[in-house]
Amino acid sequence: MQTATTGTRDRIVVAAAHLIQRQGYVGTGIKQIAKEAEATLGSVYHFFPGGKEAVAVAALTHSGEEFATILREALAAEDDPAAAVDACARLLAEALRASDWRDGCPVTAAALETLGVDSEIQRVCATALRGWQDMVADKLRAAGFPAAEARELAMTVISTLEGAEVTAQVNRDEEPLLLAGRHLARLISAYRS
């Protein structure tokens, strides 16, 4: 059973994640988060005494886990890792198009906005990216790829998908993601040959 207090904290985290996804970390204010969460500013500071950065860390952790769930499901839906990566790219393209090109990756957005700053935000973004890479590497290893090769391919997969998502969002066109998925599938298949 969820208490009212837990519900308020969750609303704050989800609202912050949504706002960061749409307008970035820098463009998201603490008052806007409170308003979007239907919470008081006092409630935000009660749950996140560290202010905006603390809220953002929780929101980015939440977003990283949300994407991990999507990635995990896409990877599990296909036995062939090449087909699984292509399916993941298609899912990302569909979601981006459905959001009218507004809901890109909040982890990437926040990471880019805070480059060069040693912060908890950078650490949570790096952790999310590594976690996603590990999931792809696990899929590749399960398909018989050597560990080092699986790790390198997984890094390529996540880097390519993240870049393709930004390009698709900027161009308001799913083609960069669809092409990335197809080419990543070919790359993975080539390594199996």
C-alpha atoms as a PDB file:
ATOM      1  CA  MET A   1       0.000   0.000   0.000  1.00  0.00           C
ATOM      2  CA  GLN A   2       1.308   3.431  -0.963  1.00  0.00           C
ATOM      3  CA  THR A   3       1.073   6.207   1.598  1.00  0.00           C
ATOM      4  CA  ALA A   4       0.232   9.790   0.682  1.00  0.00           C
ATOM      5  CA  THR A   5       3.820  10.766   1.491  1.00  0.00           C
ATOM      6  CA  THR A   6       5.265   8.132  -0.839  1.00  0.00           C
ATOM      7  CA  GLY A   7       2.791   9.210  -3.505  1.00  0.00           C
ATOM      8  CA  THR A   8       3.927  12.826  -3.298  1.00  0.00           C
ATOM      9  CA  ARG A   9       7.602  11.900  -3.576  1.00  0.00           C
ATOM     10  CA  ASP A  10       6.868   9.658  -6.559  1.00  0.00           C
ATOM     11  CA  ARG A  11       4.860  12.416  -8.251  1.00  0.00           C
ATOM     12  CA  ILE A  12       7.775  14.807  -7.794  1.00  0.00           C
ATOM     13  CA  VAL A  13      10.241  12.321  -9.285  1.00  0.00           C
ATOM     14  CA  VAL A  14       8.022  11.483 -12.257  1.00  0.00           C
ATOM     15  CA  ALA A  15       7.222  15.152 -12.918  1.00  0.00           C
ATOM     16  CA  ALA A  16      10.902  16.080 -12.796  1.00  0.00           C
ATOM     17  CA  ALA A  17      11.798  13.190 -15.107  1.00  0.00           C
ATOM     18  CA  HIS A  18       9.136  14.287 -17.586  1.00  0.00           C
ATOM     19  CA  LEU A  19      10.241  17.933 -17.496  1.00  0.00           C
ATOM     20  CA  ILE A  20      13.935  17.079 -17.869  1.00  0.00           C
ATOM     21  CA  GLN A  21      13.024  14.812 -20.768  1.00  0.00           C
ATOM     22  CA  ARG A  22      11.199  17.651 -22.521  1.00  0.00           C
ATOM     23  CA  GLN A  23      13.264  20.706 -21.651  1.00  0.00           C
ATOM     24  CA  GLY A  24      16.519  19.512 -20.114  1.00  0.00           C
ATOM     25  CA  TYR A  25      17.992  19.932 -16.657  1.00  0.00           C
ATOM     26  CA  VAL A  26      18.965  23.572 -17.073  1.00  0.00           C
ATOM     27  CA  GLY A  27      15.524  24.515 -18.418  1.00  0.00           C
ATOM     28  CA  THR A  28      13.654  22.856 -15.556  1.00  0.00           C
ATOM     29  CA  GLY A  29      12.988  24.842 -12.404  1.00  0.00           C
ATOM     30  CA  ILE A  30      12.156  23.604  -8.935  1.00  0.00           C
ATOM     31  CA  LYS A  31       8.899  25.633  -8.845  1.00  0.00           C
ATOM     32  CA  GLN A  32       7.874  24.126 -12.171  1.00  0.00           C
ATOM     33  CA  ILE A  33       8.565  20.625 -10.818  1.00  0.00           C
ATOM     34  CA  ALA A  34       6.372  21.336  -7.782  1.00  0.00           C
ATOM     35  CA  LYS A  35       3.565  22.673  -9.973  1.00  0.00           C
ATOM     36  CA  GLU A  36       3.752  19.738 -12.408  1.00  0.00           C
ATOM     37  CA  ALA A  37       3.750  17.266  -9.486  1.00  0.00           C
ATOM     38  CA  GLU A  38       0.827  19.044  -7.813  1.00  0.00           C
ATOM     39  CA  ALA A  39       2.988  19.395  -4.728  1.00  0.00           C
ATOM     40  CA  THR A  40       4.016  22.317  -2.592  1.00  0.00           C
ATOM     41  CA  LEU A  41       7.500  23.740  -2.848  1.00  0.00           C
ATOM     42  CA  GLY A  42       7.886  22.771   0.808  1.00  0.00           C
ATOM     43  CA  SER A  43       7.128  19.145  -0.064  1.00  0.00           C
ATOM     44  CA  VAL A  44       9.795  19.163  -2.757  1.00  0.00           C
ATOM     45  CA  TYR A  45      12.396  20.449  -0.299  1.00  0.00           C
ATOM     46  CA  HIS A  46      11.138  18.053   2.383  1.00  0.00           C
ATOM     47  CA  PHE A  47      11.846  15.040   0.165  1.00  0.00           C
ATOM     48  CA  PHE A  48      14.842  16.580  -1.577  1.00  0.00           C
ATOM     49  CA  PRO A  49      16.693  18.886   0.827  1.00  0.00           C
ATOM     50  CA  GLY A  50      19.485  19.081  -1.751  1.00  0.00           C
ATOM     51  CA  GLY A  51      17.167  21.022  -4.041  1.00  0.00           C
ATOM     52  CA  LYS A  52      17.039  20.813  -7.808  1.00  0.00           C
ATOM     53  CA  GLU A  53      20.117  18.598  -8.190  1.00  0.00           C
ATOM     54  CA  ALA A  54      18.775  16.057  -5.690  1.00  0.00           C
ATOM     55  CA  VAL A  55      15.416  15.957  -7.480  1.00  0.00           C
ATOM     56  CA  ALA A  56      17.200  15.582 -10.823  1.00  0.00           C
ATOM     57  CA  VAL A  57      19.320  12.690  -9.546  1.00  0.00           C
ATOM     58  CA  ALA A  58      16.179  10.834  -8.430  1.00  0.00           C
ATOM     59  CA  ALA A  59      14.412  11.687 -11.703  1.00  0.00           C
ATOM     60  CA  LEU A  60      17.340  10.538 -13.840  1.00  0.00           C
ATOM     61  CA  THR A  61      17.651   7.331 -11.832  1.00  0.00           C
ATOM     62  CA  HIS A  62      13.937   6.756 -12.456  1.00  0.00           C
ATOM     63  CA  SER A  63      14.320   7.512 -16.182  1.00  0.00           C
ATOM     64  CA  GLY A  64      17.337   5.224 -16.450  1.00  0.00           C
ATOM     65  CA  GLU A  65      15.352   2.397 -14.909  1.00  0.00           C
ATOM     66  CA  GLU A  66      12.374   3.089 -17.182  1.00  0.00           C
ATOM     67  CA  PHE A  67      14.572   2.835 -20.274  1.00  0.00           C
ATOM     68  CA  ALA A  68      16.260  -0.272 -18.857  1.00  0.00           C
ATOM     69  CA  THR A  69      12.824  -1.903 -18.660  1.00  0.00           C
ATOM     70  CA  ILE A  70      12.075  -1.036 -22.290  1.00  0.00           C
ATOM     71  CA  LEU A  71      15.509  -2.255 -23.373  1.00  0.00           C
ATOM     72  CA  ARG A  72      15.199  -5.461 -21.343  1.00  0.00           C
ATOM     73  CA  GLU A  73      11.804  -6.234 -22.896  1.00  0.00           C
ATOM     74  CA  ALA A  74      13.040  -5.495 -26.433  1.00  0.00           C
ATOM     75  CA  LEU A  75      16.115  -7.676 -25.948  1.00  0.00           C
ATOM     76  CA  ALA A  76      14.053 -10.514 -24.476  1.00  0.00           C
ATOM     77  CA  ALA A  77      11.464 -10.388 -27.267  1.00  0.00           C
ATOM     78  CA  GLU A  78      13.930 -11.661 -29.875  1.00  0.00           C
ATOM     79  CA  ASP A  79      16.282 -14.639 -29.625  1.00  0.00           C
ATOM     80  CA  ASP A  80      18.659 -13.150 -32.189  1.00  0.00           C
ATOM     81  CA  PRO A  81      20.550 -10.195 -30.662  1.00  0.00           C
ATOM     82  CA  ALA A  82      20.706  -8.427 -34.049  1.00  0.00           C
ATOM     83  CA  ALA A  83      16.918  -8.550 -34.374  1.00  0.00           C
ATOM     84  CA  ALA A  84      16.553  -7.497 -30.733  1.00  0.00           C
ATOM     85  CA  VAL A  85      18.662  -4.357 -31.220  1.00  0.00           C
ATOM     86  CA  ASP A  86      16.736  -3.475 -34.372  1.00  0.00           C
ATOM     87  CA  ALA A  87      13.463  -3.955 -32.464  1.00  0.00           C
ATOM     88  CA  CYS A  88      14.713  -1.646 -29.733  1.00  0.00           C
ATOM     89  CA  ALA A  89      15.507   1.084 -32.269  1.00  0.00           C
ATOM     90  CA  ARG A  90      12.011   0.732 -33.739  1.00  0.00           C
ATOM     91  CA  LEU A  91      10.448   1.019 -30.269  1.00  0.00           C
ATOM     92  CA  LEU A  92      12.424   4.189 -29.585  1.00  0.00           C
ATOM     93  CA  ALA A  93      11.353   5.637 -32.949  1.00  0.00           C
ATOM     94  CA  GLU A  94       7.688   4.858 -32.259  1.00  0.00           C
ATOM     95  CA  ALA A  95       7.815   6.421 -28.792  1.00  0.00           C
ATOM     96  CA  LEU A  96       9.566   9.533 -30.043  1.00  0.00           C
ATOM     97  CA  ARG A  97       7.094   9.987 -32.889  1.00  0.00           C
ATOM     98  CA  ALA A  98       4.149   9.416 -30.501  1.00  0.00           C
ATOM     99  CA  SER A  99       5.456  12.205 -28.248  1.00  0.00           C
ATOM    100  CA  ASP A 100       5.559  14.571 -31.237  1.00  0.00           C
ATOM    101  CA  TRP A 101       9.374  14.493 -31.021  1.00  0.00           C
ATOM    102  CA  ARG A 102       9.463  16.017 -27.515  1.00  0.00           C
ATOM    103  CA  ASP A 103      10.304  13.051 -25.288  1.00  0.00           C
ATOM    104  CA  GLY A 104      13.934  12.245 -25.964  1.00  0.00           C
ATOM    105  CA  CYS A 105      16.315  10.655 -23.512  1.00  0.00           C
ATOM    106  CA  PRO A 106      16.501  12.708 -20.294  1.00  0.00           C
ATOM    107  CA  VAL A 107      19.733  10.962 -19.334  1.00  0.00           C
ATOM    108  CA  THR A 108      21.455  12.145 -22.508  1.00  0.00           C
ATOM    109  CA  ALA A 109      19.988  15.648 -22.181  1.00  0.00           C
ATOM    110  CA  ALA A 110      21.155  16.063 -18.584  1.00  0.00           C
ATOM    111  CA  ALA A 111      24.543  14.510 -19.293  1.00  0.00           C
ATOM    112  CA  LEU A 112      25.218  16.909 -22.149  1.00  0.00           C
ATOM    113  CA  GLU A 113      24.105  19.939 -20.130  1.00  0.00           C
ATOM    114  CA  THR A 114      26.384  19.115 -17.216  1.00  0.00           C
ATOM    115  CA  LEU A 115      29.527  18.102 -19.127  1.00  0.00           C
ATOM    116  CA  GLY A 116      32.763  19.122 -17.471  1.00  0.00           C
ATOM    117  CA  VAL A 117      31.160  19.286 -14.047  1.00  0.00           C
ATOM    118  CA  ASP A 118      31.913  16.573 -11.521  1.00  0.00           C
ATOM    119  CA  SER A 119      28.429  16.133 -10.125  1.00  0.00           C
ATOM    120  CA  GLU A 120      26.038  13.513  -8.933  1.00  0.00           C
ATOM    121  CA  ILE A 121      24.056  14.134 -12.126  1.00  0.00           C
ATOM    122  CA  GLN A 122      27.032  13.104 -14.254  1.00  0.00           C
ATOM    123  CA  ARG A 123      27.557  10.019 -12.091  1.00  0.00           C
ATOM    124  CA  VAL A 124      23.910   8.883 -12.313  1.00  0.00           C
ATOM    125  CA  CYS A 125      23.948   9.421 -16.108  1.00  0.00           C
ATOM    126  CA  ALA A 126      27.164   7.398 -16.464  1.00  0.00           C
ATOM    127  CA  THR A 127      25.678   4.633 -14.299  1.00  0.00           C
ATOM    128  CA  ALA A 128      22.548   4.478 -16.470  1.00  0.00           C
ATOM    129  CA  LEU A 129      24.569   4.287 -19.697  1.00  0.00           C
ATOM    130  CA  ARG A 130      26.805   1.542 -18.281  1.00  0.00           C
ATOM    131  CA  GLY A 131      23.769  -0.393 -17.093  1.00  0.00           C
ATOM    132  CA  TRP A 132      22.213  -0.269 -20.567  1.00  0.00           C
ATOM    133  CA  GLN A 133      25.498  -1.352 -22.138  1.00  0.00           C
ATOM    134  CA  ASP A 134      25.726  -4.245 -19.693  1.00  0.00           C
ATOM    135  CA  MET A 135      22.244  -5.412 -20.686  1.00  0.00           C
ATOM    136  CA  VAL A 136      23.174  -5.461 -24.378  1.00  0.00           C
ATOM    137  CA  ALA A 137      26.499  -7.151 -23.597  1.00  0.00           C
ATOM    138  CA  ASP A 138      24.674  -9.828 -21.578  1.00  0.00           C
ATOM    139  CA  LYS A 139      22.396 -10.507 -24.553  1.00  0.00           C
ATOM    140  CA  LEU A 140      25.402 -10.794 -26.865  1.00  0.00           C
ATOM    141  CA  ARG A 141      27.317 -13.088 -24.483  1.00  0.00           C
ATOM    142  CA  ALA A 142      24.247 -15.297 -24.133  1.00  0.00           C
ATOM    143  CA  ALA A 143      24.270 -15.595 -27.943  1.00  0.00           C
ATOM    144  CA  GLY A 144      27.881 -16.814 -27.878  1.00  0.00           C
ATOM    145  CA  PHE A 145      29.878 -13.614 -28.359  1.00  0.00           C
ATOM    146  CA  PRO A 146      33.194 -13.459 -26.487  1.00  0.00           C
ATOM    147  CA  ALA A 147      33.042 -11.127 -23.470  1.00  0.00           C
ATOM    148  CA  ALA A 148      35.380  -8.416 -24.824  1.00  0.00           C
ATOM    149  CA  GLU A 149      33.626  -8.329 -28.183  1.00  0.00           C
ATOM    150  CA  ALA A 150      30.200  -8.239 -26.516  1.00  0.00           C
ATOM    151  CA  ARG A 151      31.280  -5.302 -24.334  1.00  0.00           C
ATOM    152  CA  GLU A 152      32.613  -3.319 -27.309  1.00  0.00           C
ATOM    153  CA  LEU A 153      29.561  -4.012 -29.461  1.00  0.00           C
ATOM    154  CA  ALA A 154      27.248  -3.100 -26.590  1.00  0.00           C
ATOM    155  CA  MET A 155      28.989   0.250 -26.172  1.00  0.00           C
ATOM    156  CA  THR A 156      28.587   0.841 -29.915  1.00  0.00           C
ATOM    157  CA  VAL A 157      24.903  -0.101 -29.764  1.00  0.00           C
ATOM    158  CA  ILE A 158      24.036   2.256 -26.906  1.00  0.00           C
ATOM    159  CA  SER A 159      26.159   5.114 -28.269  1.00  0.00           C
ATOM    160  CA  THR A 160      24.596   4.767 -31.707  1.00  0.00           C
ATOM    161  CA  LEU A 161      21.033   4.533 -30.411  1.00  0.00           C
ATOM    162  CA  GLU A 162      21.494   7.571 -28.163  1.00  0.00           C
ATOM    163  CA  GLY A 163      22.973   9.627 -31.011  1.00  0.00           C
ATOM    164  CA  ALA A 164      20.310   8.461 -33.437  1.00  0.00           C
ATOM    165  CA  GLU A 165      17.580   9.381 -30.968  1.00  0.00           C
ATOM    166  CA  VAL A 166      18.913  12.928 -30.648  1.00  0.00           C
ATOM    167  CA  THR A 167      19.189  13.218 -34.442  1.00  0.00           C
ATOM    168  CA  ALA A 168      15.653  11.879 -34.913  1.00  0.00           C
ATOM    169  CA  GLN A 169      14.334  14.313 -32.332  1.00  0.00           C
ATOM    170  CA  VAL A 170      16.074  17.324 -33.872  1.00  0.00           C
ATOM    171  CA  ASN A 171      14.970  16.398 -37.402  1.00  0.00           C
ATOM    172  CA  ARG A 172      11.483  15.303 -36.266  1.00  0.00           C
ATOM    173  CA  ASP A 173      12.014  12.152 -38.294  1.00  0.00           C
ATOM    174  CA  GLU A 174      12.272   8.537 -37.168  1.00  0.00           C
ATOM    175  CA  GLU A 175      14.598   7.554 -40.014  1.00  0.00           C
ATOM    176  CA  PRO A 176      17.863   8.066 -38.049  1.00  0.00           C
ATOM    177  CA  LEU A 177      16.699   5.535 -35.447  1.00  0.00           C
ATOM    178  CA  LEU A 178      15.396   3.077 -38.012  1.00  0.00           C
ATOM    179  CA  LEU A 179      18.643   3.263 -39.991  1.00  0.00           C
ATOM    180  CA  ALA A 180      20.697   2.909 -36.823  1.00  0.00           C
ATOM    181  CA  GLY A 181      18.739  -0.185 -35.843  1.00  0.00           C
ATOM    182  CA  ARG A 182      19.176  -1.809 -39.242  1.00  0.00           C
ATOM    183  CA  HIS A 183      22.892  -1.027 -39.427  1.00  0.00           C
ATOM    184  CA  LEU A 184      23.537  -2.153 -35.871  1.00  0.00           C
ATOM    185  CA  ALA A 185      21.741  -5.417 -36.683  1.00  0.00           C
ATOM    186  CA  ARG A 186      24.000  -5.861 -39.725  1.00  0.00           C
ATOM    187  CA  LEU A 187      27.072  -5.126 -37.639  1.00  0.00           C
ATOM    188  CA  ILE A 188      26.093  -7.675 -35.009  1.00  0.00           C
ATOM    189  CA  SER A 189      25.290 -10.252 -37.696  1.00  0.00           C
ATOM    190  CA  ALA A 190      28.660  -9.615 -39.374  1.00  0.00           C
ATOM    191  CA  TYR A 191      30.456 -10.435 -36.130  1.00  0.00           C
ATOM    192  CA  ARG A 192      28.622 -13.748 -35.962  1.00  0.00           C
ATOM    193  CA  SER A 193      29.726 -14.771 -39.470  1.00  0.00           C
END
